[in-house]
Amino acid sequence: MDMNQIIGFAPYILIVIVFYFLIIRPQSKRRKEEKQFAESLKVGDRVIMSSGIHGKVNQINADKGTVMVETGAGKMLFERSAVSVELTKKLNTPDEKK
C-alpha cells in the first residue's frame, strides 16, 4: 500500500471512530446502567414507570422478570424493564429549590 491509498481510507476510518464514540459507546454504557439499576431494585423503592405511572415496588418476581407496583389506583404488574431509570433517579433526588 502506498500513502495515497492510506489517505483514501482515512475518511472511512474517521467515520467509524465517530460512529463508535457517538452511538455505540453511549448505548452500551446506558444498557449497563439499566441492568445494574434493574438488579438493585428492591421492595419498597419508589419508582416511575416508562409510561409515567408513579408507585412503590411491592413485589419482585425474578423468574418471570416482573415487578408488582403499588399505585394510587391499586397494584399493577409490570415488566422489570418498564421501570424508567432516568425518571426514578429524578424522583429519588432531593430538590435543590429550597
Protein backbone atom coordinates (compact mmCIF):
# COMPACT_ATOMS: atom_id res chain seq x y z
CA MET A 1 0.00 0.00 0.00
CA ASP A 2 1.28 3.40 -0.82
CA MET A 3 0.48 6.62 1.04
CA ASN A 4 -2.32 7.68 -1.35
CA GLN A 5 -4.33 4.53 -0.61
CA ILE A 6 -3.96 5.05 3.13
CA ILE A 7 -5.10 8.68 2.82
CA GLY A 8 -8.06 7.47 0.71
CA PHE A 9 -9.23 5.24 3.59
CA ALA A 10 -8.84 7.96 6.24
CA PRO A 11 -12.39 9.40 5.91
CA TYR A 12 -13.90 5.92 6.32
CA ILE A 13 -11.80 5.23 9.38
CA LEU A 14 -12.79 8.61 10.83
CA ILE A 15 -16.48 7.86 10.24
CA VAL A 16 -16.17 4.53 12.06
CA ILE A 17 -14.42 6.18 15.01
CA VAL A 18 -17.02 8.96 15.27
CA PHE A 19 -19.84 6.40 14.96
CA TYR A 20 -18.34 4.39 17.82
CA PHE A 21 -17.96 7.35 20.20
CA LEU A 22 -21.31 8.98 19.40
CA ILE A 23 -23.58 5.95 19.11
CA ILE A 24 -22.20 2.57 20.15
CA ARG A 25 -20.31 3.53 23.32
CA PRO A 26 -23.12 5.62 24.93
CA GLN A 27 -25.71 2.91 24.17
CA SER A 28 -23.61 0.17 25.78
CA LYS A 29 -22.99 2.39 28.80
CA ARG A 30 -26.74 3.04 29.12
CA ARG A 31 -27.58 -0.67 28.82
CA LYS A 32 -25.05 -1.48 31.56
CA GLU A 33 -26.54 1.23 33.80
CA GLU A 34 -30.09 -0.06 33.21
CA LYS A 35 -29.04 -3.61 34.02
CA GLN A 36 -27.39 -2.52 37.29
CA PHE A 37 -30.49 -0.50 38.19
CA ALA A 38 -32.84 -3.42 37.49
CA GLU A 39 -30.70 -5.74 39.61
CA SER A 40 -30.56 -3.27 42.50
CA LEU A 41 -34.34 -2.77 42.55
CA LYS A 42 -35.82 -3.87 45.86
CA VAL A 43 -39.19 -3.96 47.60
CA GLY A 44 -40.16 -0.56 48.97
CA ASP A 45 -38.35 1.51 46.31
CA ARG A 46 -40.30 4.43 44.87
CA VAL A 47 -40.20 4.24 41.08
CA ILE A 48 -41.67 5.79 37.94
CA MET A 49 -42.58 3.53 35.05
CA SER A 50 -41.71 4.45 31.47
CA SER A 51 -45.43 5.15 30.96
CA GLY A 52 -45.30 7.80 33.71
CA ILE A 53 -47.03 5.82 36.47
CA HIS A 54 -45.64 6.54 39.94
CA GLY A 55 -45.62 3.84 42.59
CA LYS A 56 -43.79 1.78 45.15
CA VAL A 57 -42.33 -1.66 44.42
CA ASN A 58 -44.43 -4.17 46.29
CA GLN A 59 -43.16 -7.49 44.93
CA ILE A 60 -40.40 -8.65 42.57
CA ASN A 61 -40.55 -11.89 40.61
CA ALA A 62 -37.02 -12.57 39.35
CA ASP A 63 -38.03 -15.74 37.48
CA LYS A 64 -40.62 -14.00 35.30
CA GLY A 65 -38.85 -10.63 35.24
CA THR A 66 -41.86 -8.77 36.59
CA VAL A 67 -42.45 -6.16 39.26
CA MET A 68 -45.65 -5.57 41.24
CA VAL A 69 -46.05 -1.81 41.77
CA GLU A 70 -48.49 -0.32 44.25
CA THR A 71 -50.05 2.88 42.89
CA GLY A 72 -52.91 5.12 43.95
CA ALA A 73 -55.20 3.03 41.73
CA GLY A 74 -54.11 -0.29 43.23
CA LYS A 75 -51.45 -2.87 42.47
CA MET A 76 -50.23 -3.36 38.90
CA LEU A 77 -47.88 -5.89 37.35
CA PHE A 78 -45.16 -4.58 35.03
CA GLU A 79 -42.16 -5.98 33.21
CA ARG A 80 -38.99 -5.15 35.12
CA SER A 81 -37.65 -3.33 32.08
CA ALA A 82 -40.63 -0.90 32.18
CA VAL A 83 -39.16 0.88 35.21
CA SER A 84 -37.60 4.11 33.96
CA VAL A 85 -34.06 4.63 35.21
CA GLU A 86 -33.91 8.37 34.45
CA LEU A 87 -37.32 9.26 35.88
CA THR A 88 -36.75 7.21 39.03
CA LYS A 89 -33.39 8.95 39.61
CA LYS A 90 -35.15 12.32 39.33
CA LEU A 91 -37.83 11.16 41.77
CA ASN A 92 -35.33 9.98 44.37
CA THR A 93 -33.02 13.00 44.04
CA PRO A 94 -33.88 15.73 46.55
CA ASP A 95 -34.88 19.07 45.02
CA GLU A 96 -32.37 21.88 45.38
CA LYS A 97 -35.02 24.65 45.17
CA LYS A 98 -35.11 25.33 48.90
